Amino acid sequence: MSADRQISALLKQIATQDVAVVTSQFFHASRAATLAHVAEYYGFEYAEACREGHNMQTLSVYLTRDPSPAAREREAATIAAHPRAGNGGTAPGLQPGTLKPTAEAEEAVARLTDLITFDVRTQMAGARRMGVAWAGVAVMVVTLLIVGMYVGAIAGGAALAAFLAGAVKFSDMRRERIGRRLEEAGFVPVVDEAGRRRFVRPGRQLPGHANPFAS
């Protein structure tokens, strides 16, 4: 899909909904972050990211409308500065005709990419997901034992268990590195209602919490 078509689809959501969703197949976090940053110019803010759909191959990034006066002013200024965005004109924070961030927007897009990646890795590391993975190992071992492949059951089970443990450790280390980058950039660690560790910008709350500007 062309850059204009993707921007146009996003702006249609922004014009008619209080929650916009950016989707990307096969976990293109940076591409989704670029579009999420465009939405921020129009008074939206990052809410959450997760993997959904068949085989969890769709990355969905949820953005909510920021009701604060500053966000409304930012939206009005953006509309005035980019009246033909998504229709052949310039779009905020993007190089003309592309989905590549401008030099000024690169840092913001990089941090949004970190937020998205952190949230998705936290989702995938959840106890429920890991329970499914370990159950798969157990099923394989039991199946091999039933058919009499005792050596294969022991060797295969041990190999899969070691691989899974290594993958979990690697993912945890990667997530912690991302968390440190976010903290160094000034983001604040919080815990959401589901008990997950998240990050928000200084002075902000997780979307959906009490907001003094909400009507």
Protein backbone atom coordinates (compact mmCIF):
# COMPACT_ATOMS: atom_id res chain seq x y z
CA MET A 1 0.00 0.00 0.00
CA SER A 2 1.34 3.44 -0.94
CA ALA A 3 2.30 5.99 1.71
CA ASP A 4 -0.62 8.24 0.73
CA ARG A 5 -3.14 5.41 1.04
CA GLN A 6 -1.86 4.41 4.47
CA ILE A 7 -1.91 7.99 5.71
CA SER A 8 -5.38 8.54 4.24
CA ALA A 9 -6.70 5.42 5.99
CA LEU A 10 -5.25 6.63 9.28
CA LEU A 11 -6.71 10.12 8.90
CA LYS A 12 -10.17 8.66 8.23
CA GLN A 13 -9.98 6.91 11.61
CA ILE A 14 -8.73 10.08 13.28
CA ALA A 15 -11.62 12.10 11.83
CA THR A 16 -14.35 9.70 12.97
CA GLN A 17 -13.09 7.70 15.96
CA ASP A 18 -11.63 8.25 19.40
CA VAL A 19 -9.54 5.08 19.05
CA ALA A 20 -7.38 4.54 15.97
CA VAL A 21 -5.60 1.29 15.12
CA VAL A 22 -2.45 0.93 13.06
CA THR A 23 -1.79 -2.62 11.89
CA SER A 24 1.29 -4.21 10.37
CA GLN A 25 1.84 -7.76 9.19
CA PHE A 26 4.84 -9.72 10.45
CA PHE A 27 5.70 -7.25 13.20
CA HIS A 28 7.08 -4.21 11.37
CA ALA A 29 7.29 -2.19 14.57
CA SER A 30 9.17 0.77 13.07
CA ARG A 31 6.62 1.20 10.29
CA ALA A 32 3.75 1.08 12.77
CA ALA A 33 5.60 3.54 15.03
CA THR A 34 6.00 5.97 12.13
CA LEU A 35 2.25 6.05 11.51
CA ALA A 36 1.57 6.24 15.25
CA HIS A 37 3.80 9.32 15.40
CA VAL A 38 1.78 10.90 12.60
CA ALA A 39 -1.36 10.32 14.67
CA GLU A 40 0.26 12.15 17.60
CA TYR A 41 0.40 15.33 15.52
CA TYR A 42 -3.39 15.03 15.22
CA GLY A 43 -3.99 14.88 18.96
CA PHE A 44 -3.77 11.13 19.54
CA GLU A 45 -1.47 9.29 21.94
CA TYR A 46 -0.04 5.81 22.09
CA ALA A 47 -2.16 3.44 24.17
CA GLU A 48 -1.02 -0.14 23.64
CA ALA A 49 0.42 -2.64 21.17
CA CYS A 50 -0.19 -6.36 20.84
CA ARG A 51 0.02 -9.25 18.42
CA GLU A 52 -3.32 -10.51 17.11
CA GLY A 53 -4.90 -12.54 14.35
CA HIS A 54 -3.94 -15.81 12.71
CA ASN A 55 -0.78 -17.20 14.30
CA MET A 56 -0.37 -13.86 16.06
CA GLN A 57 1.22 -12.41 12.91
CA THR A 58 -0.55 -9.04 12.97
CA LEU A 59 0.90 -6.21 15.02
CA SER A 60 -1.88 -3.88 16.22
CA VAL A 61 -1.03 -0.49 17.70
CA TYR A 62 -3.89 1.27 19.49
CA LEU A 63 -4.00 5.06 19.76
CA THR A 64 -6.49 7.10 21.75
CA ARG A 65 -7.62 10.69 21.38
CA ASP A 66 -5.96 13.02 23.87
CA PRO A 67 -8.70 15.37 25.17
CA SER A 68 -6.30 18.00 26.53
CA PRO A 69 -6.41 21.55 25.12
CA ALA A 70 -2.76 21.25 24.03
CA ALA A 71 -3.60 18.21 21.92
CA ARG A 72 -6.52 19.97 20.29
CA GLU A 73 -4.31 22.95 19.48
CA ARG A 74 -1.68 20.61 18.02
CA GLU A 75 -4.31 18.95 15.85
CA ALA A 76 -5.61 22.28 14.53
CA ALA A 77 -2.09 23.48 13.74
CA THR A 78 -1.29 20.23 11.93
CA ILE A 79 -4.44 20.37 9.80
CA ALA A 80 -3.63 23.94 8.83
CA ALA A 81 -0.01 23.13 7.97
CA HIS A 82 -0.76 19.91 6.05
CA PRO A 83 -4.21 20.35 4.43
CA ARG A 84 -3.54 17.70 1.73
CA ALA A 85 -1.98 15.00 3.89
CA GLY A 86 -2.89 11.58 2.49
CA ASN A 87 -3.90 13.14 -0.81
CA GLY A 88 -0.61 13.94 -2.46
CA GLY A 89 0.47 16.60 0.02
CA THR A 90 2.94 16.63 2.87
CA ALA A 91 2.28 14.75 6.09
CA PRO A 92 3.60 15.77 9.52
CA GLY A 93 6.86 14.18 10.58
CA LEU A 94 7.38 12.38 7.25
CA GLN A 95 9.63 12.88 4.28
CA PRO A 96 7.48 13.82 1.25
CA GLY A 97 5.83 10.86 -0.45
CA THR A 98 7.26 8.29 1.96
CA LEU A 99 6.73 6.67 5.34
CA LYS A 100 10.25 7.64 6.40
CA PRO A 101 10.43 10.01 9.38
CA THR A 102 12.10 13.37 8.98
CA ALA A 103 15.37 13.93 10.82
CA GLU A 104 13.46 15.88 13.49
CA ALA A 105 11.03 13.00 14.02
CA GLU A 106 13.53 10.12 14.06
CA GLU A 107 14.08 10.16 17.83
CA ALA A 108 10.35 10.23 18.61
CA VAL A 109 9.70 7.37 16.18
CA ALA A 110 12.56 5.35 17.70
CA ARG A 111 11.08 5.72 21.19
CA LEU A 112 7.63 4.76 19.92
CA THR A 113 9.22 1.70 18.34
CA ASP A 114 10.69 0.86 21.76
CA LEU A 115 7.29 1.29 23.45
CA ILE A 116 5.61 -0.97 20.91
CA THR A 117 8.32 -3.62 21.11
CA PHE A 118 8.37 -3.58 24.91
CA ASP A 119 4.59 -3.99 25.17
CA VAL A 120 4.49 -6.82 22.63
CA ARG A 121 7.39 -8.68 24.22
CA THR A 122 5.67 -8.33 27.59
CA GLN A 123 2.48 -9.74 26.09
CA MET A 124 4.29 -12.70 24.55
CA ALA A 125 6.19 -13.41 27.77
CA GLY A 126 2.98 -13.66 29.77
CA ALA A 127 2.42 -16.75 31.88
CA ARG A 128 -0.42 -17.92 29.67
CA ARG A 129 1.74 -17.83 26.53
CA MET A 130 4.63 -19.59 28.23
CA GLY A 131 2.23 -22.20 29.62
CA VAL A 132 1.15 -23.04 26.07
CA ALA A 133 4.77 -23.38 24.95
CA TRP A 134 5.74 -25.69 27.81
CA ALA A 135 2.55 -27.71 27.27
CA GLY A 136 3.64 -28.26 23.67
CA VAL A 137 6.94 -29.71 24.88
CA ALA A 138 5.08 -32.02 27.29
CA VAL A 139 2.70 -33.23 24.57
CA MET A 140 5.61 -34.06 22.27
CA VAL A 141 7.41 -36.03 24.99
CA VAL A 142 4.27 -37.96 25.96
CA THR A 143 3.50 -38.76 22.31
CA LEU A 144 6.98 -40.15 21.72
CA LEU A 145 6.78 -42.22 24.90
CA ILE A 146 3.45 -43.69 23.84
CA VAL A 147 4.86 -44.89 20.52
CA GLY A 148 7.90 -46.35 22.26
CA MET A 149 10.50 -43.80 21.17
CA TYR A 150 12.01 -43.42 24.62
CA VAL A 151 15.41 -42.09 23.57
CA GLY A 152 13.78 -39.65 21.17
CA ALA A 153 11.39 -38.48 23.88
CA ILE A 154 14.22 -37.76 26.32
CA ALA A 155 16.57 -36.18 23.80
CA GLY A 156 13.89 -34.23 21.95
CA GLY A 157 12.25 -33.02 25.14
CA ALA A 158 15.56 -31.90 26.60
CA ALA A 159 16.55 -30.11 23.41
CA LEU A 160 13.22 -28.29 23.09
CA ALA A 161 13.20 -27.36 26.76
CA ALA A 162 16.73 -25.94 26.50
CA PHE A 163 15.80 -24.00 23.36
CA LEU A 164 12.66 -22.60 24.97
CA ALA A 165 14.53 -21.60 28.14
CA GLY A 166 17.21 -19.87 26.06
CA ALA A 167 14.62 -18.04 23.97
CA VAL A 168 12.85 -16.83 27.11
CA LYS A 169 16.12 -15.57 28.61
CA PHE A 170 17.10 -13.80 25.40
CA SER A 171 13.67 -12.14 25.14
CA ASP A 172 13.83 -11.02 28.77
CA MET A 173 17.29 -9.50 28.25
CA ARG A 174 16.12 -7.70 25.11
CA ARG A 175 13.07 -6.37 26.91
CA GLU A 176 15.19 -5.09 29.78
CA ARG A 177 17.54 -3.30 27.37
CA ILE A 178 14.56 -1.59 25.76
CA GLY A 179 13.24 -0.65 29.20
CA ARG A 180 16.57 0.96 30.11
CA ARG A 181 16.52 2.96 26.87
CA LEU A 182 13.03 4.23 27.64
CA GLU A 183 14.01 5.24 31.18
CA GLU A 184 17.11 7.02 29.88
CA ALA A 185 14.83 8.93 27.49
CA GLY A 186 12.70 10.08 30.44
CA PHE A 187 9.84 7.60 30.24
CA VAL A 188 8.38 6.48 33.56
CA PRO A 189 7.74 2.81 34.43
CA VAL A 190 4.21 2.03 35.65
CA VAL A 191 2.10 -1.07 36.23
CA ASP A 192 -1.22 -1.37 34.41
CA GLU A 193 -4.45 -2.92 35.67
CA ALA A 194 -3.39 -6.34 34.36
CA GLY A 195 -0.16 -6.20 36.37
CA ARG A 196 2.05 -5.63 33.33
CA ARG A 197 5.01 -3.29 33.40
CA ARG A 198 4.49 -0.39 30.99
CA PHE A 199 6.09 2.99 30.25
CA VAL A 200 4.54 6.44 29.95
CA ARG A 201 5.90 9.88 29.19
CA PRO A 202 6.68 12.14 32.18
CA GLY A 203 3.53 13.64 33.66
CA ARG A 204 1.25 11.30 31.72
CA GLN A 205 -0.94 8.39 32.74
CA LEU A 206 -1.91 5.25 30.94
CA PRO A 207 -4.82 5.98 28.56
CA GLY A 208 -8.16 5.35 30.20
CA HIS A 209 -7.12 6.63 33.62
CA ALA A 210 -8.50 9.79 35.16
CA ASN A 211 -7.88 12.84 33.02
CA PRO A 212 -8.56 16.38 34.28
CA PHE A 213 -9.59 17.50 30.80
CA ALA A 214 -12.08 14.71 30.20
CA SER A 215 -15.66 15.89 29.84
